[in-house]
Amino acid sequence: MKPKAGFSARHPLLFGFALLLMAVVLFTGASAIFRALRVGQDGVGGRTVGVVHLTGMILDGRDVVDFLRELREDDAVEGVLLRVDSPGGAVAPSQEMFRAVRELAEVKPVVASYGSVAASGGYYASCPATLIVANPGSVTGSIGVLMEYVDFSDLAGDLGVRRVLLASGANKGAGSPLEPLTPAQRDQLMGLIMDMHDQFVSDVAVARHMRKDAVAALADGRVFTGRQARDNGLVDELGGYEVALQRLMDLCGMTKRPNLYEGPPVDVPLLDRLMGAGASAGLATFWNERLAPGARFLYR
């Protein structure tokens, strides 16, 4: 009697997928254990500082805000390095991070370190830091608000698609991709944009100890290099990650390199594991920025 073929022979694709899934699970578990053991492995001084990574498009600030709160409440963490590499994003999450950084800086030193870009919401979220260090070529600033949505009204007309709207007020349907804005709707939305802009300018002025009119003069949406930002008072010093870490050590009175407690913990999506880092974030950003219906207000 011929022996029955094994599962791997009968279902090679399923078997291969199962092996891949098992490898992902093992990798995830190993990564979690590595993160848990990181404290105490990066430094030699026996003292600890937190390192917060604010990276990519800001769409949801909960993970960063939660980690900032954890660092604020952890007495073993003496100071925090906020590493920023973000072009900004949604208004409310940027404001939530701003408040969390401000509350943290009230109880322990916070040094912001700017990578390639720390603009708009990325700048907003980090500007309450005790000290801001940017590379000379970092792109920062971009203080301003934009609203964008896709207008399909001409295409809908060509296809014979007619919008039917039942709303409680003339402005309730403003921003629909199937109908252009009326002048009254445009004025109403511009009022929202300018109020959000004023909030941005006011918060930067307080955080940076600058006159509001001085910040307003810089807040036309333009970006600055790190060197220009320093000359305009938006950052304090030029340098990279190591310079920022040294300034944090100075503020904490440390003479030896401290242990680094880094976060927030990242649960790497399966798509990223299969296609490379950032694959799922790239798709999410493309959807939120280009394809998702409805208008969005952005510090970007």
Protein backbone atom coordinates (compact mmCIF):
# COMPACT_ATOMS: atom_id res chain seq x y z
CA MET A 1 0.00 0.00 0.00
CA LYS A 2 1.41 3.34 -1.03
CA PRO A 3 2.02 5.63 2.00
CA LYS A 4 -0.18 8.70 2.20
CA ALA A 5 1.61 11.92 1.23
CA GLY A 6 2.31 14.32 4.09
CA PHE A 7 0.56 17.67 4.56
CA SER A 8 3.55 19.58 3.18
CA ALA A 9 3.41 17.57 -0.06
CA ARG A 10 -0.35 17.79 -0.42
CA HIS A 11 -0.59 21.50 0.42
CA PRO A 12 2.79 23.11 -0.30
CA LEU A 13 1.42 26.67 -0.39
CA LEU A 14 -0.39 26.35 2.93
CA PHE A 15 2.64 24.67 4.48
CA GLY A 16 4.91 27.46 3.24
CA PHE A 17 2.56 30.11 4.59
CA ALA A 18 2.40 28.33 7.97
CA LEU A 19 6.20 28.32 8.17
CA LEU A 20 6.31 32.01 7.29
CA LEU A 21 3.66 32.82 9.90
CA MET A 22 5.57 30.86 12.54
CA ALA A 23 8.75 32.77 11.70
CA VAL A 24 6.90 36.09 12.05
CA VAL A 25 5.50 35.06 15.46
CA LEU A 26 8.95 34.02 16.68
CA PHE A 27 10.47 37.25 15.38
CA THR A 28 7.80 39.33 17.09
CA GLY A 29 8.32 37.55 20.39
CA ALA A 30 12.08 37.98 20.19
CA SER A 31 11.67 41.67 19.39
CA ALA A 32 9.38 42.16 22.39
CA ILE A 33 11.87 40.45 24.69
CA PHE A 34 14.70 42.55 23.25
CA ARG A 35 12.72 45.76 23.88
CA ALA A 36 11.99 44.66 27.44
CA LEU A 37 15.71 44.09 28.07
CA ARG A 38 16.95 47.26 26.36
CA VAL A 39 17.11 49.31 29.56
CA GLY A 40 20.56 48.90 30.98
CA GLN A 41 22.19 47.67 27.76
CA ASP A 42 22.83 50.94 25.92
CA GLY A 43 24.77 52.87 28.52
CA VAL A 44 27.44 52.48 31.17
CA GLY A 45 26.42 55.09 33.70
CA GLY A 46 23.68 53.19 35.49
CA ARG A 47 21.26 56.12 34.98
CA THR A 48 18.44 56.23 32.47
CA VAL A 49 16.95 58.65 29.97
CA GLY A 50 13.98 58.03 27.71
CA VAL A 51 14.13 58.27 23.92
CA VAL A 52 10.84 58.99 22.17
CA HIS A 53 10.63 58.43 18.42
CA LEU A 54 8.14 60.68 16.63
CA THR A 55 8.36 59.43 13.06
CA GLY A 56 6.28 59.72 9.91
CA MET A 57 2.89 61.22 9.19
CA ILE A 58 0.99 62.15 12.37
CA LEU A 59 -2.41 60.48 12.12
CA ASP A 60 -2.89 59.23 15.69
CA GLY A 61 -0.87 60.40 18.68
CA ARG A 62 -2.02 57.91 21.30
CA ASP A 63 1.09 55.70 21.36
CA VAL A 64 3.46 58.65 21.63
CA VAL A 65 1.29 60.43 24.21
CA ASP A 66 1.01 57.28 26.33
CA PHE A 67 4.78 56.74 26.23
CA LEU A 68 5.44 60.38 27.16
CA ARG A 69 3.13 59.99 30.15
CA GLU A 70 4.92 56.78 31.17
CA LEU A 71 8.27 58.57 31.07
CA ARG A 72 6.88 61.50 33.04
CA GLU A 73 5.64 59.22 35.80
CA ASP A 74 8.73 56.97 35.91
CA ASP A 75 11.10 58.34 38.56
CA ALA A 76 13.95 56.22 37.18
CA VAL A 77 13.88 58.24 33.93
CA GLU A 78 15.76 61.50 34.54
CA GLY A 79 15.28 63.18 31.16
CA VAL A 80 13.92 62.54 27.68
CA LEU A 81 15.32 62.83 24.17
CA LEU A 82 12.55 63.44 21.62
CA ARG A 83 13.78 62.33 18.20
CA VAL A 84 11.59 63.87 15.48
CA ASP A 85 11.46 62.93 11.83
CA SER A 86 7.95 63.91 10.76
CA PRO A 87 6.37 66.24 8.18
CA GLY A 88 3.37 66.75 10.46
CA GLY A 89 -0.18 65.59 9.98
CA ALA A 90 -3.59 65.87 11.58
CA VAL A 91 -4.31 68.84 13.84
CA ALA A 92 -5.71 67.23 16.99
CA PRO A 93 -3.02 64.50 17.42
CA SER A 94 -0.31 67.15 16.97
CA GLN A 95 -1.94 69.20 19.72
CA GLU A 96 -2.21 66.17 22.01
CA MET A 97 1.52 65.52 21.61
CA PHE A 98 2.26 69.21 22.21
CA ARG A 99 0.45 69.08 25.56
CA ALA A 100 2.15 65.82 26.54
CA VAL A 101 5.62 67.21 25.74
CA ARG A 102 4.84 70.44 27.64
CA GLU A 103 3.68 68.51 30.72
CA LEU A 104 6.78 66.32 30.58
CA ALA A 105 9.11 69.31 30.24
CA GLU A 106 7.56 70.81 33.39
CA VAL A 107 8.96 67.98 35.53
CA LYS A 108 12.15 66.81 33.76
CA PRO A 109 14.44 67.99 30.94
CA VAL A 110 13.33 67.28 27.36
CA VAL A 111 15.69 67.79 24.41
CA ALA A 112 14.23 67.58 20.91
CA SER A 113 16.52 66.26 18.18
CA TYR A 114 15.47 66.94 14.58
CA GLY A 115 16.37 64.48 11.84
CA SER A 116 15.59 65.06 8.17
CA VAL A 117 12.31 66.88 8.76
CA ALA A 118 10.42 68.24 11.76
CA ALA A 119 7.87 70.47 10.08
CA SER A 120 4.36 71.73 10.75
CA GLY A 121 2.74 69.26 13.17
CA GLY A 122 6.15 67.69 13.80
CA TYR A 123 7.44 71.08 14.90
CA TYR A 124 4.26 71.90 16.81
CA ALA A 125 4.40 68.67 18.83
CA SER A 126 8.05 69.16 19.85
CA CYS A 127 8.39 72.91 20.34
CA PRO A 128 7.66 72.83 24.12
CA ALA A 129 10.91 70.89 24.65
CA THR A 130 13.42 72.37 27.08
CA LEU A 131 15.95 72.60 24.23
CA ILE A 132 15.67 72.00 20.48
CA VAL A 133 18.68 70.75 18.50
CA ALA A 134 18.45 70.57 14.69
CA ASN A 135 20.89 69.56 12.00
CA PRO A 136 21.90 72.51 9.80
CA GLY A 137 20.05 70.87 6.92
CA SER A 138 17.00 69.68 8.84
CA VAL A 139 13.75 70.93 7.31
CA THR A 140 11.53 72.54 9.93
CA GLY A 141 9.02 75.34 10.46
CA SER A 142 6.10 75.21 8.02
CA ILE A 143 3.86 76.85 10.61
CA GLY A 144 0.42 76.88 9.06
CA VAL A 145 -2.75 74.95 8.34
CA LEU A 146 -4.12 73.46 5.17
CA MET A 147 -7.34 71.78 4.22
CA GLU A 148 -7.59 69.56 1.20
CA TYR A 149 -10.05 67.25 -0.46
CA VAL A 150 -10.53 65.73 -3.88
CA ASP A 151 -13.12 67.44 -6.12
CA PHE A 152 -14.81 64.92 -8.42
CA SER A 153 -17.66 67.23 -9.40
CA ASP A 154 -16.65 67.64 -13.06
CA LEU A 155 -16.05 63.92 -13.46
CA ALA A 156 -19.37 63.12 -11.78
CA GLY A 157 -21.14 65.43 -14.21
CA ASP A 158 -19.49 63.73 -17.18
CA LEU A 159 -20.61 60.35 -15.85
CA GLY A 160 -24.15 61.52 -15.17
CA VAL A 161 -23.77 61.21 -11.41
CA ARG A 162 -25.92 63.70 -9.52
CA ARG A 163 -25.39 64.49 -5.84
CA VAL A 164 -28.46 64.41 -3.59
CA LEU A 165 -27.94 66.07 -0.20
CA LEU A 166 -30.36 66.44 2.67
CA ALA A 167 -28.77 68.59 5.37
CA SER A 168 -29.86 70.68 8.34
CA GLY A 169 -27.88 73.73 7.19
CA ALA A 170 -26.22 75.32 4.18
CA ASN A 171 -22.73 74.51 5.47
CA LYS A 172 -23.39 70.92 6.58
CA GLY A 173 -22.28 69.41 3.28
CA ALA A 174 -19.26 71.64 2.72
CA GLY A 175 -16.24 69.75 1.45
CA SER A 176 -18.11 67.11 -0.48
CA PRO A 177 -16.01 65.66 -3.32
CA LEU A 178 -19.09 65.81 -5.57
CA GLU A 179 -19.83 69.53 -5.40
CA PRO A 180 -17.71 72.72 -5.44
CA LEU A 181 -17.73 75.00 -2.41
CA THR A 182 -20.08 77.97 -2.40
CA PRO A 183 -18.54 81.35 -1.47
CA ALA A 184 -20.26 81.18 1.93
CA GLN A 185 -18.92 77.68 2.57
CA ARG A 186 -15.42 78.75 1.59
CA ASP A 187 -15.57 81.69 4.02
CA GLN A 188 -16.80 79.44 6.81
CA LEU A 189 -14.03 76.90 6.27
CA MET A 190 -11.40 79.62 6.05
CA GLY A 191 -12.61 80.81 9.45
CA LEU A 192 -11.87 77.35 10.86
CA ILE A 193 -8.46 77.28 9.20
CA MET A 194 -7.46 80.68 10.54
CA ASP A 195 -8.59 79.79 14.07
CA MET A 196 -6.45 76.62 13.97
CA HIS A 197 -3.60 78.72 12.58
CA ASP A 198 -3.92 81.17 15.47
CA GLN A 199 -3.79 78.27 17.95
CA PHE A 200 -0.57 77.06 16.30
CA VAL A 201 1.06 80.51 16.38
CA SER A 202 -0.02 81.19 19.97
CA ASP A 203 1.28 77.86 21.26
CA VAL A 204 4.63 78.26 19.51
CA ALA A 205 5.01 81.79 20.91
CA VAL A 206 4.42 80.59 24.47
CA ALA A 207 6.57 77.46 24.12
CA ARG A 208 9.49 79.31 22.53
CA HIS A 209 9.17 82.43 24.72
CA MET A 210 8.73 84.61 21.63
CA ARG A 211 6.43 87.50 20.85
CA LYS A 212 3.33 86.33 19.03
CA ASP A 213 3.81 88.86 16.23
CA ALA A 214 7.38 87.57 15.72
CA VAL A 215 6.07 84.02 15.30
CA ALA A 216 3.22 85.24 13.07
CA ALA A 217 5.77 86.86 10.75
CA LEU A 218 7.33 83.41 10.23
CA ALA A 219 4.01 81.56 10.02
CA ASP A 220 3.16 81.79 6.34
CA GLY A 221 3.74 78.09 5.73
CA ARG A 222 7.36 78.44 4.64
CA VAL A 223 9.94 75.88 5.70
CA PHE A 224 13.38 76.67 7.11
CA THR A 225 16.67 74.85 7.27
CA GLY A 226 17.89 74.11 10.76
CA ARG A 227 20.34 76.97 10.48
CA GLN A 228 17.64 79.42 9.38
CA ALA A 229 15.35 78.19 12.14
CA ARG A 230 18.05 78.82 14.73
CA ASP A 231 18.58 82.34 13.44
CA ASN A 232 14.82 82.96 13.67
CA GLY A 233 14.48 81.58 17.19
CA LEU A 234 12.57 78.40 16.31
CA VAL A 235 15.40 76.09 17.44
CA ASP A 236 18.21 76.59 19.95
CA GLU A 237 21.28 74.83 18.61
CA LEU A 238 22.71 73.01 15.62
CA GLY A 239 23.78 69.40 15.83
CA GLY A 240 22.72 65.81 15.40
CA TYR A 241 21.51 63.03 17.66
CA GLU A 242 24.74 62.76 19.65
CA VAL A 243 24.86 66.50 20.31
CA ALA A 244 21.26 66.41 21.51
CA LEU A 245 21.99 63.46 23.79
CA GLN A 246 25.01 65.26 25.24
CA ARG A 247 22.90 68.36 25.94
CA LEU A 248 20.35 66.17 27.71
CA MET A 249 23.14 64.60 29.78
CA ASP A 250 24.35 68.09 30.70
CA LEU A 251 20.86 69.11 31.81
CA CYS A 252 20.60 65.94 33.91
CA GLY A 253 24.08 66.33 35.40
CA MET A 254 25.37 63.10 33.84
CA THR A 255 29.03 62.48 33.07
CA LYS A 256 28.68 58.94 31.69
CA ARG A 257 26.49 57.82 28.81
CA PRO A 258 23.14 56.77 30.29
CA ASN A 259 20.95 53.77 29.62
CA LEU A 260 18.41 54.49 26.88
CA TYR A 261 14.79 53.48 27.30
CA GLU A 262 13.36 53.80 23.78
CA GLY A 263 9.77 53.83 22.57
CA PRO A 264 6.95 53.84 22.03
CA PRO A 265 6.96 50.06 21.46
CA VAL A 266 6.22 49.28 17.83
CA ASP A 267 3.96 46.41 16.83
CA VAL A 268 5.30 45.81 13.32
CA PRO A 269 2.40 45.04 10.92
CA LEU A 270 2.52 41.78 9.00
CA LEU A 271 2.63 43.69 5.69
CA ASP A 272 5.83 45.43 6.81
CA ARG A 273 7.41 42.12 7.73
CA LEU A 274 6.57 40.66 4.35
CA MET A 275 7.25 43.68 2.12
CA GLY A 276 9.76 45.73 4.11
CA ALA A 277 9.63 48.45 6.73
CA GLY A 278 7.09 51.17 6.10
CA ALA A 279 4.96 49.31 3.56
CA SER A 280 1.74 49.49 5.55
CA ALA A 281 2.46 53.05 6.72
CA GLY A 282 3.05 54.08 3.12
CA LEU A 283 -0.26 52.61 2.02
CA ALA A 284 -2.07 54.20 4.97
CA THR A 285 -0.53 57.58 4.26
CA PHE A 286 -1.42 57.35 0.56
CA TRP A 287 -5.01 56.49 1.47
CA ASN A 288 -5.36 59.23 4.10
CA GLU A 289 -3.66 61.90 2.02
CA ARG A 290 -4.91 61.14 -1.48
CA LEU A 291 -7.84 58.75 -1.62
CA ALA A 292 -9.88 58.91 1.57
CA PRO A 293 -13.13 60.83 1.04
CA GLY A 294 -13.89 64.03 2.91
CA ALA A 295 -11.92 67.13 3.84
CA ARG A 296 -9.11 67.10 6.42
CA PHE A 297 -7.44 69.89 8.32
CA LEU A 298 -3.71 69.36 8.55
CA TYR A 299 -0.63 70.81 10.22
CA ARG A 300 1.55 69.50 7.38
